[in-house]
Structures are given as C-alpha cells and as structure tokens.
C-alpha cells in the first residue's frame, strides 16, 4: 500500500461494514471522541501507533494499512469544487449563508482573531423535536487573537 492514507481509509470503511462495527464502537475501543475517531480513520489525523494497532485488531487490517493510519496527513485537500454529497453540500451551504454572520459575531464577542480548527472539538448529536429530530453540530474551537 505504501503509506497511502486514502487507500487506508477505504480499507477501514470496507472492514467496518464487513465486521458490522459502528464508529461509536471504534471510538470507545480507542477511548477517543467519535468525531476525532472518524476523521482520523478517514485520513485527517495521524493515529498513534498503539491506537492504530487496536483498530487493526478489531477490523483485521493488514500491516500496511495500519502503518498508513499513523502517517501525518495532508489535511483537507480540496479541489475548489462545491461538494456534491448532499450532507457535505448542506454544510458548505450553511457556511456560505451564515459564515459572514459567524465571522461578525466572533469578532464582536472576542475581537480580531479566529476560531482554531487545531485546538478544536466537534460533537454531533440528536435532539428530539415534535417537528422531526434535529441534528446538533457543535464546533468548539479555541479563540486565537491576531497579534502584531
């Protein structure tokens, strides 16, 4: 496999389905947050070797795939195209519509700076609603002020 994180992610997805394992079960097995676990196993974070070995044992991954999980990734490669997957497109759409408002609100509340996507937590949960269950996505990033 030659340390290919994309192929490793494909192998993880295939093995996850084959073994009937959920993302929540994998996250629990390695004692990490579900959002981090999914992102890492899809190639966006390096997985510590001991955790990669645990995942490999659960999913019966080969040594090349296991090693590829530990490699530092090239994060968030984007070719500039608008996402076509409906779920990903809706996040893109929400940021296009609400991104400027979020920026203004962050600056008004915190001053000149940004929300970190490095010192960052993400949570996805379900909230029952009589009009249909709601998807609750929480971005929790450290504020980083611009310093001159």
N, C-alpha and C. Protein backbone atom coordinates (compact mmCIF):
# COMPACT_ATOMS: atom_id res chain seq x y z
N UNK A 1 0.83 -1.20 0.00
CA UNK A 1 0.00 0.00 0.00
C UNK A 1 0.86 1.25 0.00
N UNK A 2 2.05 1.22 0.54
CA UNK A 2 2.99 2.34 0.52
C UNK A 2 2.46 3.59 1.22
N UNK A 3 1.93 3.44 2.41
CA UNK A 3 1.52 4.54 3.26
C UNK A 3 0.50 5.49 2.63
N UNK A 4 -0.44 4.96 1.92
CA UNK A 4 -1.47 5.74 1.25
C UNK A 4 -2.68 5.88 2.17
N UNK A 5 -2.88 7.09 2.71
CA UNK A 5 -3.96 7.31 3.66
C UNK A 5 -5.34 7.17 3.01
N UNK A 6 -5.45 7.51 1.74
CA UNK A 6 -6.75 7.36 1.05
C UNK A 6 -7.12 5.88 0.94
N UNK A 7 -6.16 5.05 0.56
CA UNK A 7 -6.42 3.61 0.48
C UNK A 7 -6.67 3.02 1.86
N UNK A 8 -5.98 3.55 2.87
CA UNK A 8 -6.20 3.07 4.24
C UNK A 8 -7.63 3.40 4.67
N UNK A 9 -8.10 4.60 4.34
CA UNK A 9 -9.48 4.99 4.68
C UNK A 9 -10.48 4.08 3.98
N UNK A 10 -10.22 3.76 2.73
CA UNK A 10 -11.11 2.84 2.01
C UNK A 10 -11.12 1.46 2.66
N UNK A 11 -9.94 1.01 3.10
CA UNK A 11 -9.86 -0.30 3.76
C UNK A 11 -10.61 -0.28 5.09
N UNK A 12 -10.51 0.82 5.83
CA UNK A 12 -11.24 0.94 7.09
C UNK A 12 -12.74 0.89 6.83
N UNK A 13 -13.21 1.65 5.86
CA UNK A 13 -14.65 1.66 5.55
C UNK A 13 -15.14 0.27 5.16
N UNK A 14 -14.38 -0.40 4.32
CA UNK A 14 -14.78 -1.75 3.88
C UNK A 14 -14.82 -2.71 5.07
N UNK A 15 -13.78 -2.68 5.91
CA UNK A 15 -13.71 -3.58 7.05
C UNK A 15 -14.79 -3.26 8.09
N UNK A 16 -15.08 -1.99 8.26
CA UNK A 16 -16.11 -1.56 9.20
C UNK A 16 -17.46 -2.17 8.82
N UNK A 17 -17.77 -2.11 7.54
CA UNK A 17 -19.03 -2.69 7.05
C UNK A 17 -18.99 -4.21 7.16
N UNK A 18 -17.89 -4.80 6.73
CA UNK A 18 -17.76 -6.27 6.75
C UNK A 18 -17.92 -6.82 8.16
N UNK A 19 -17.39 -6.12 9.16
CA UNK A 19 -17.44 -6.60 10.54
C UNK A 19 -18.64 -6.07 11.31
N UNK A 20 -19.43 -5.19 10.70
CA UNK A 20 -20.61 -4.66 11.38
C UNK A 20 -20.29 -3.82 12.61
N UNK A 21 -19.19 -3.10 12.54
CA UNK A 21 -18.73 -2.27 13.66
C UNK A 21 -19.18 -0.82 13.42
N UNK A 22 -19.60 -0.15 14.47
CA UNK A 22 -20.00 1.25 14.35
C UNK A 22 -18.83 2.17 14.67
N UNK A 23 -18.95 3.42 14.24
CA UNK A 23 -17.93 4.41 14.58
C UNK A 23 -17.88 4.59 16.10
N UNK A 24 -19.04 4.58 16.74
CA UNK A 24 -19.09 4.73 18.20
C UNK A 24 -18.32 3.60 18.89
N UNK A 25 -18.45 2.39 18.38
CA UNK A 25 -17.72 1.25 18.97
C UNK A 25 -16.22 1.41 18.79
N UNK A 26 -15.81 1.87 17.61
CA UNK A 26 -14.37 2.08 17.38
C UNK A 26 -13.85 3.19 18.29
N UNK A 27 -14.61 4.28 18.42
CA UNK A 27 -14.19 5.39 19.29
C UNK A 27 -14.05 4.92 20.73
N UNK A 28 -15.01 4.13 21.18
CA UNK A 28 -14.95 3.62 22.55
C UNK A 28 -13.75 2.70 22.74
N UNK A 29 -13.46 1.89 21.74
CA UNK A 29 -12.35 0.93 21.84
C UNK A 29 -11.00 1.64 21.97
N UNK A 30 -10.88 2.82 21.38
CA UNK A 30 -9.60 3.54 21.47
C UNK A 30 -9.68 4.74 22.41
N UNK A 31 -10.81 4.88 23.08
CA UNK A 31 -11.01 5.95 24.08
C UNK A 31 -10.76 7.34 23.50
N UNK A 32 -11.36 7.58 22.35
CA UNK A 32 -11.29 8.89 21.70
C UNK A 32 -12.70 9.34 21.34
N UNK A 33 -12.86 10.63 21.11
CA UNK A 33 -14.16 11.18 20.71
C UNK A 33 -14.56 10.60 19.36
N UNK A 34 -15.85 10.36 19.17
CA UNK A 34 -16.30 9.81 17.87
C UNK A 34 -15.89 10.67 16.67
N UNK A 35 -16.05 11.98 16.76
CA UNK A 35 -15.70 12.84 15.62
C UNK A 35 -14.22 12.73 15.29
N UNK A 36 -13.35 12.73 16.31
CA UNK A 36 -11.92 12.59 16.07
C UNK A 36 -11.63 11.22 15.45
N UNK A 37 -12.25 10.19 15.99
CA UNK A 37 -12.02 8.83 15.50
C UNK A 37 -12.35 8.70 14.03
N UNK A 38 -13.52 9.19 13.65
CA UNK A 38 -13.93 9.09 12.24
C UNK A 38 -12.97 9.89 11.36
N UNK A 39 -12.69 11.13 11.74
CA UNK A 39 -11.77 11.95 10.94
C UNK A 39 -10.41 11.28 10.80
N UNK A 40 -9.90 10.74 11.91
CA UNK A 40 -8.59 10.10 11.88
C UNK A 40 -8.58 8.86 10.99
N UNK A 41 -9.61 8.03 11.12
CA UNK A 41 -9.64 6.80 10.34
C UNK A 41 -9.97 7.05 8.87
N UNK A 42 -10.48 8.24 8.57
CA UNK A 42 -10.69 8.63 7.17
C UNK A 42 -9.50 9.44 6.63
N UNK A 43 -8.44 9.55 7.44
CA UNK A 43 -7.19 10.11 6.95
C UNK A 43 -6.86 11.53 7.32
N UNK A 44 -7.61 12.16 8.21
CA UNK A 44 -7.37 13.56 8.53
C UNK A 44 -6.51 13.81 9.77
N UNK A 45 -6.16 12.78 10.50
CA UNK A 45 -5.28 12.89 11.66
C UNK A 45 -4.34 11.69 11.67
N UNK A 46 -3.12 11.86 12.19
CA UNK A 46 -2.29 10.67 12.39
C UNK A 46 -2.82 9.93 13.62
N UNK A 47 -2.95 8.64 13.51
CA UNK A 47 -3.43 7.81 14.62
C UNK A 47 -2.20 7.30 15.37
N UNK A 48 -2.12 7.54 16.69
CA UNK A 48 -0.98 6.98 17.43
C UNK A 48 -0.87 5.47 17.19
N UNK A 49 0.34 4.98 17.12
CA UNK A 49 0.60 3.58 16.75
C UNK A 49 -0.18 2.59 17.61
N UNK A 50 -0.24 2.83 18.94
CA UNK A 50 -0.95 1.88 19.79
C UNK A 50 -2.44 1.84 19.48
N UNK A 51 -3.01 3.00 19.13
CA UNK A 51 -4.43 3.05 18.78
C UNK A 51 -4.68 2.45 17.40
N UNK A 52 -3.76 2.68 16.48
CA UNK A 52 -3.87 2.09 15.14
C UNK A 52 -3.86 0.56 15.25
N UNK A 53 -3.04 0.04 16.14
CA UNK A 53 -2.98 -1.42 16.35
C UNK A 53 -4.31 -1.95 16.91
N UNK A 54 -4.94 -1.19 17.82
CA UNK A 54 -6.23 -1.62 18.36
C UNK A 54 -7.29 -1.66 17.26
N UNK A 55 -7.32 -0.61 16.44
CA UNK A 55 -8.28 -0.56 15.34
C UNK A 55 -8.01 -1.70 14.37
N UNK A 56 -6.73 -1.92 14.08
CA UNK A 56 -6.36 -3.00 13.15
C UNK A 56 -6.82 -4.36 13.66
N UNK A 57 -6.71 -4.58 14.95
CA UNK A 57 -7.14 -5.85 15.52
C UNK A 57 -8.65 -6.02 15.39
N UNK A 58 -9.39 -4.97 15.64
CA UNK A 58 -10.85 -5.03 15.55
C UNK A 58 -11.30 -5.26 14.11
N UNK A 59 -10.68 -4.53 13.19
CA UNK A 59 -11.12 -4.56 11.79
C UNK A 59 -10.33 -5.54 10.92
N UNK A 60 -9.34 -6.20 11.53
CA UNK A 60 -8.48 -7.15 10.80
C UNK A 60 -7.81 -6.47 9.61
N UNK A 61 -7.15 -5.34 9.88
CA UNK A 61 -6.44 -4.60 8.84
C UNK A 61 -5.03 -5.14 8.69
N UNK A 62 -4.50 -5.05 7.48
CA UNK A 62 -3.13 -5.52 7.26
C UNK A 62 -2.12 -4.50 7.79
N UNK A 63 -0.87 -4.89 7.82
CA UNK A 63 0.20 -4.08 8.40
C UNK A 63 0.40 -2.77 7.64
N UNK A 64 0.31 -2.80 6.30
CA UNK A 64 0.48 -1.58 5.51
C UNK A 64 -0.62 -0.56 5.81
N UNK A 65 -1.85 -1.04 5.92
CA UNK A 65 -2.97 -0.15 6.24
C UNK A 65 -2.79 0.43 7.64
N UNK A 66 -2.41 -0.40 8.58
CA UNK A 66 -2.20 0.03 9.95
C UNK A 66 -1.12 1.11 10.02
N UNK A 67 -0.03 0.89 9.32
CA UNK A 67 1.05 1.87 9.30
C UNK A 67 0.59 3.17 8.65
N UNK A 68 -0.18 3.07 7.56
CA UNK A 68 -0.67 4.27 6.87
C UNK A 68 -1.53 5.13 7.79
N UNK A 69 -2.26 4.50 8.71
CA UNK A 69 -3.09 5.27 9.64
C UNK A 69 -2.25 6.18 10.53
N UNK A 70 -0.99 5.81 10.76
CA UNK A 70 -0.14 6.57 11.69
C UNK A 70 0.58 7.75 11.03
N UNK A 71 0.54 7.82 9.72
CA UNK A 71 1.28 8.85 8.99
C UNK A 71 0.59 10.21 9.09
N UNK A 72 1.42 11.26 9.18
CA UNK A 72 0.91 12.63 9.19
C UNK A 72 0.17 12.89 7.87
N UNK A 73 -1.06 13.39 7.93
CA UNK A 73 -1.84 13.57 6.70
C UNK A 73 -1.60 14.92 6.02
N UNK A 74 -2.02 14.98 4.79
CA UNK A 74 -2.21 16.25 4.11
C UNK A 74 -3.68 16.56 4.36
N UNK A 75 -3.96 17.49 5.24
CA UNK A 75 -5.33 17.72 5.70
C UNK A 75 -6.16 18.50 4.70
N UNK A 76 -7.43 18.09 4.64
CA UNK A 76 -8.44 18.83 3.93
C UNK A 76 -8.16 19.15 2.47
N UNK A 77 -7.61 18.21 1.70
CA UNK A 77 -7.38 18.52 0.30
C UNK A 77 -8.69 18.90 -0.37
N UNK A 78 -8.67 20.00 -1.09
CA UNK A 78 -9.89 20.49 -1.73
C UNK A 78 -9.54 20.98 -3.11
N UNK A 79 -10.29 20.54 -4.08
CA UNK A 79 -10.01 20.93 -5.46
C UNK A 79 -10.78 22.18 -5.88
N UNK A 80 -11.49 22.81 -4.96
CA UNK A 80 -12.23 24.02 -5.27
C UNK A 80 -13.66 23.77 -5.71
N UNK A 81 -14.01 22.53 -5.96
CA UNK A 81 -15.37 22.22 -6.41
C UNK A 81 -16.32 22.20 -5.21
N UNK A 82 -17.54 22.62 -5.44
CA UNK A 82 -18.56 22.54 -4.41
C UNK A 82 -18.86 21.06 -4.17
N UNK A 83 -18.94 20.63 -2.91
CA UNK A 83 -19.23 19.22 -2.64
C UNK A 83 -20.55 18.80 -3.28
N UNK A 84 -20.59 17.58 -3.78
CA UNK A 84 -21.82 17.07 -4.40
C UNK A 84 -22.59 16.12 -3.49
N UNK A 85 -21.92 15.58 -2.46
CA UNK A 85 -22.63 14.75 -1.49
C UNK A 85 -23.63 15.65 -0.76
N UNK A 86 -24.90 15.25 -0.68
CA UNK A 86 -25.91 16.14 -0.08
C UNK A 86 -25.61 16.59 1.35
N UNK A 87 -25.08 15.72 2.19
CA UNK A 87 -24.77 16.12 3.56
C UNK A 87 -23.64 17.14 3.58
N UNK A 88 -22.58 16.87 2.84
CA UNK A 88 -21.45 17.79 2.80
C UNK A 88 -21.85 19.11 2.14
N UNK A 89 -22.69 19.04 1.12
CA UNK A 89 -23.14 20.26 0.46
C UNK A 89 -23.90 21.16 1.42
N UNK A 90 -24.73 20.58 2.30
CA UNK A 90 -25.51 21.38 3.24
C UNK A 90 -24.60 22.12 4.21
N UNK A 91 -23.49 21.50 4.62
CA UNK A 91 -22.54 22.22 5.47
C UNK A 91 -21.90 23.36 4.68
N UNK A 92 -21.56 23.08 3.44
CA UNK A 92 -21.00 24.13 2.57
C UNK A 92 -22.01 25.27 2.43
N UNK A 93 -23.25 24.92 2.17
CA UNK A 93 -24.31 25.92 2.01
C UNK A 93 -24.49 26.73 3.30
N UNK A 94 -24.51 26.04 4.45
CA UNK A 94 -24.69 26.74 5.73
C UNK A 94 -23.56 27.73 5.97
N UNK A 95 -22.33 27.36 5.64
CA UNK A 95 -21.22 28.28 5.82
C UNK A 95 -21.26 29.42 4.81
N UNK A 96 -21.75 29.16 3.61
CA UNK A 96 -21.89 30.24 2.63
C UNK A 96 -22.93 31.25 3.11
N UNK A 97 -24.03 30.77 3.68
CA UNK A 97 -25.11 31.65 4.13
C UNK A 97 -24.75 32.31 5.47
N UNK A 98 -24.26 31.52 6.43
CA UNK A 98 -24.05 32.02 7.79
C UNK A 98 -22.60 32.35 8.13
N UNK A 99 -21.66 32.00 7.24
CA UNK A 99 -20.25 32.28 7.51
C UNK A 99 -19.95 33.74 7.82
N UNK A 100 -20.43 34.66 6.99
CA UNK A 100 -20.18 36.08 7.31
C UNK A 100 -20.77 36.49 8.66
N UNK A 101 -21.96 35.97 9.00
CA UNK A 101 -22.57 36.30 10.29
C UNK A 101 -21.74 35.71 11.43
N UNK A 102 -21.28 34.48 11.28
CA UNK A 102 -20.44 33.87 12.30
C UNK A 102 -19.16 34.69 12.51
N UNK A 103 -18.54 35.10 11.42
CA UNK A 103 -17.33 35.92 11.49
C UNK A 103 -17.61 37.20 12.26
N UNK A 104 -18.69 37.90 11.93
CA UNK A 104 -19.03 39.14 12.62
C UNK A 104 -19.28 38.91 14.10
N UNK A 105 -20.02 37.85 14.43
CA UNK A 105 -20.33 37.57 15.83
C UNK A 105 -19.08 37.20 16.62
N UNK A 106 -18.17 36.43 16.02
CA UNK A 106 -16.92 36.08 16.68
C UNK A 106 -16.09 37.34 16.93
N UNK A 107 -15.99 38.21 15.93
CA UNK A 107 -15.20 39.44 16.10
C UNK A 107 -15.83 40.36 17.14
N UNK A 108 -17.15 40.45 17.14
CA UNK A 108 -17.82 41.31 18.11
C UNK A 108 -17.62 40.80 19.54
N UNK A 109 -17.67 39.49 19.71
CA UNK A 109 -17.56 38.90 21.04
C UNK A 109 -16.11 38.78 21.52
N UNK A 110 -15.18 38.44 20.63
CA UNK A 110 -13.82 38.13 21.03
C UNK A 110 -12.77 39.14 20.56
N UNK A 111 -13.07 39.90 19.53
CA UNK A 111 -12.09 40.82 18.96
C UNK A 111 -11.51 40.26 17.68
N UNK A 112 -10.37 40.82 17.26
CA UNK A 112 -9.74 40.45 16.00
C UNK A 112 -9.02 39.12 16.14
N UNK A 113 -9.54 38.08 15.52
CA UNK A 113 -8.92 36.77 15.60
C UNK A 113 -9.78 35.72 14.91
N UNK A 114 -9.47 34.47 15.19
CA UNK A 114 -10.15 33.35 14.53
C UNK A 114 -10.44 32.24 15.52
N UNK A 115 -11.31 31.35 15.14
CA UNK A 115 -11.55 30.12 15.89
C UNK A 115 -10.58 29.07 15.36
N UNK A 116 -9.84 28.45 16.26
CA UNK A 116 -8.89 27.43 15.86
C UNK A 116 -9.61 26.18 15.38
N UNK A 117 -9.07 25.58 14.33
CA UNK A 117 -9.52 24.27 13.90
C UNK A 117 -8.47 23.22 14.27
N UNK A 118 -7.45 23.66 15.01
CA UNK A 118 -6.43 22.74 15.51
C UNK A 118 -6.73 22.40 16.96
N UNK A 119 -6.89 23.43 17.80
CA UNK A 119 -7.31 23.23 19.19
C UNK A 119 -8.83 23.25 19.13
N UNK A 120 -9.43 22.10 18.84
CA UNK A 120 -10.80 22.05 18.35
C UNK A 120 -11.49 20.78 18.80
N UNK A 121 -12.75 20.90 19.13
CA UNK A 121 -13.58 19.74 19.43
C UNK A 121 -14.82 19.82 18.57
N UNK A 122 -15.36 18.68 18.23
CA UNK A 122 -16.55 18.59 17.39
C UNK A 122 -17.47 17.54 17.99
N UNK A 123 -18.75 17.85 18.03
CA UNK A 123 -19.71 16.89 18.53
C UNK A 123 -20.93 16.89 17.63
N UNK A 124 -21.49 15.72 17.41
CA UNK A 124 -22.72 15.56 16.64
C UNK A 124 -23.69 14.78 17.52
N UNK A 125 -24.88 15.33 17.67
CA UNK A 125 -25.87 14.65 18.49
C UNK A 125 -27.27 14.82 17.89
N UNK A 126 -28.20 14.08 18.45
CA UNK A 126 -29.61 14.11 18.02
C UNK A 126 -30.42 14.77 19.13
N UNK A 127 -31.32 15.67 18.72
CA UNK A 127 -32.24 16.27 19.68
C UNK A 127 -33.66 16.03 19.19
N UNK A 128 -34.44 15.29 19.98
CA UNK A 128 -35.83 15.04 19.57
C UNK A 128 -36.60 16.35 19.43
N UNK A 129 -37.47 16.39 18.44
CA UNK A 129 -38.30 17.57 18.19
C UNK A 129 -39.61 17.08 17.61
N UNK A 130 -40.74 17.63 18.05
CA UNK A 130 -42.03 17.18 17.53
C UNK A 130 -42.16 17.34 16.02
N UNK A 131 -41.38 18.24 15.46
CA UNK A 131 -41.45 18.50 14.02
C UNK A 131 -40.44 17.66 13.24
N UNK A 132 -39.76 16.75 13.92
CA UNK A 132 -38.73 15.92 13.30
C UNK A 132 -37.42 16.12 14.04
N UNK A 133 -36.71 15.04 14.33
CA UNK A 133 -35.47 15.13 15.09
C UNK A 133 -34.51 16.14 14.47
N UNK A 134 -33.74 16.79 15.32
CA UNK A 134 -32.79 17.82 14.91
C UNK A 134 -31.37 17.27 14.99
N UNK A 135 -30.54 17.67 14.07
CA UNK A 135 -29.11 17.37 14.09
C UNK A 135 -28.43 18.55 14.78
N UNK A 136 -27.70 18.26 15.85
CA UNK A 136 -26.99 19.32 16.56
C UNK A 136 -25.49 19.10 16.33
N UNK A 137 -24.86 20.07 15.69
CA UNK A 137 -23.42 20.02 15.43
C UNK A 137 -22.78 21.15 16.22
N UNK A 138 -21.82 20.80 17.06
CA UNK A 138 -21.14 21.78 17.89
C UNK A 138 -19.69 21.88 17.47
N UNK A 139 -19.26 23.06 17.05
CA UNK A 139 -17.85 23.35 16.80
C UNK A 139 -17.35 24.08 18.04
N UNK A 140 -16.28 23.58 18.64
CA UNK A 140 -15.76 24.15 19.87
C UNK A 140 -14.26 24.38 19.66
N UNK A 141 -13.91 25.60 19.20
CA UNK A 141 -12.52 25.90 18.90
C UNK A 141 -11.98 27.01 19.78
N UNK A 142 -10.74 26.92 20.11
CA UNK A 142 -10.07 27.95 20.90
C UNK A 142 -10.00 29.23 20.09
N UNK A 143 -10.21 30.38 20.75
CA UNK A 143 -10.06 31.66 20.08
C UNK A 143 -8.59 32.00 19.99
N UNK A 144 -8.14 32.37 18.82
CA UNK A 144 -6.75 32.78 18.59
C UNK A 144 -6.77 34.22 18.11
N UNK A 145 -6.25 35.12 18.93
CA UNK A 145 -6.26 36.52 18.52
C UNK A 145 -5.08 36.80 17.61
N UNK A 146 -5.29 37.76 16.72
CA UNK A 146 -4.20 38.21 15.85
C UNK A 146 -3.29 39.10 16.68
N UNK A 147 -2.01 38.79 16.67
CA UNK A 147 -1.04 39.57 17.44
C UNK A 147 -0.02 40.17 16.49
N UNK A 148 0.31 41.43 16.73
CA UNK A 148 1.28 42.10 15.87
C UNK A 148 2.56 42.36 16.61
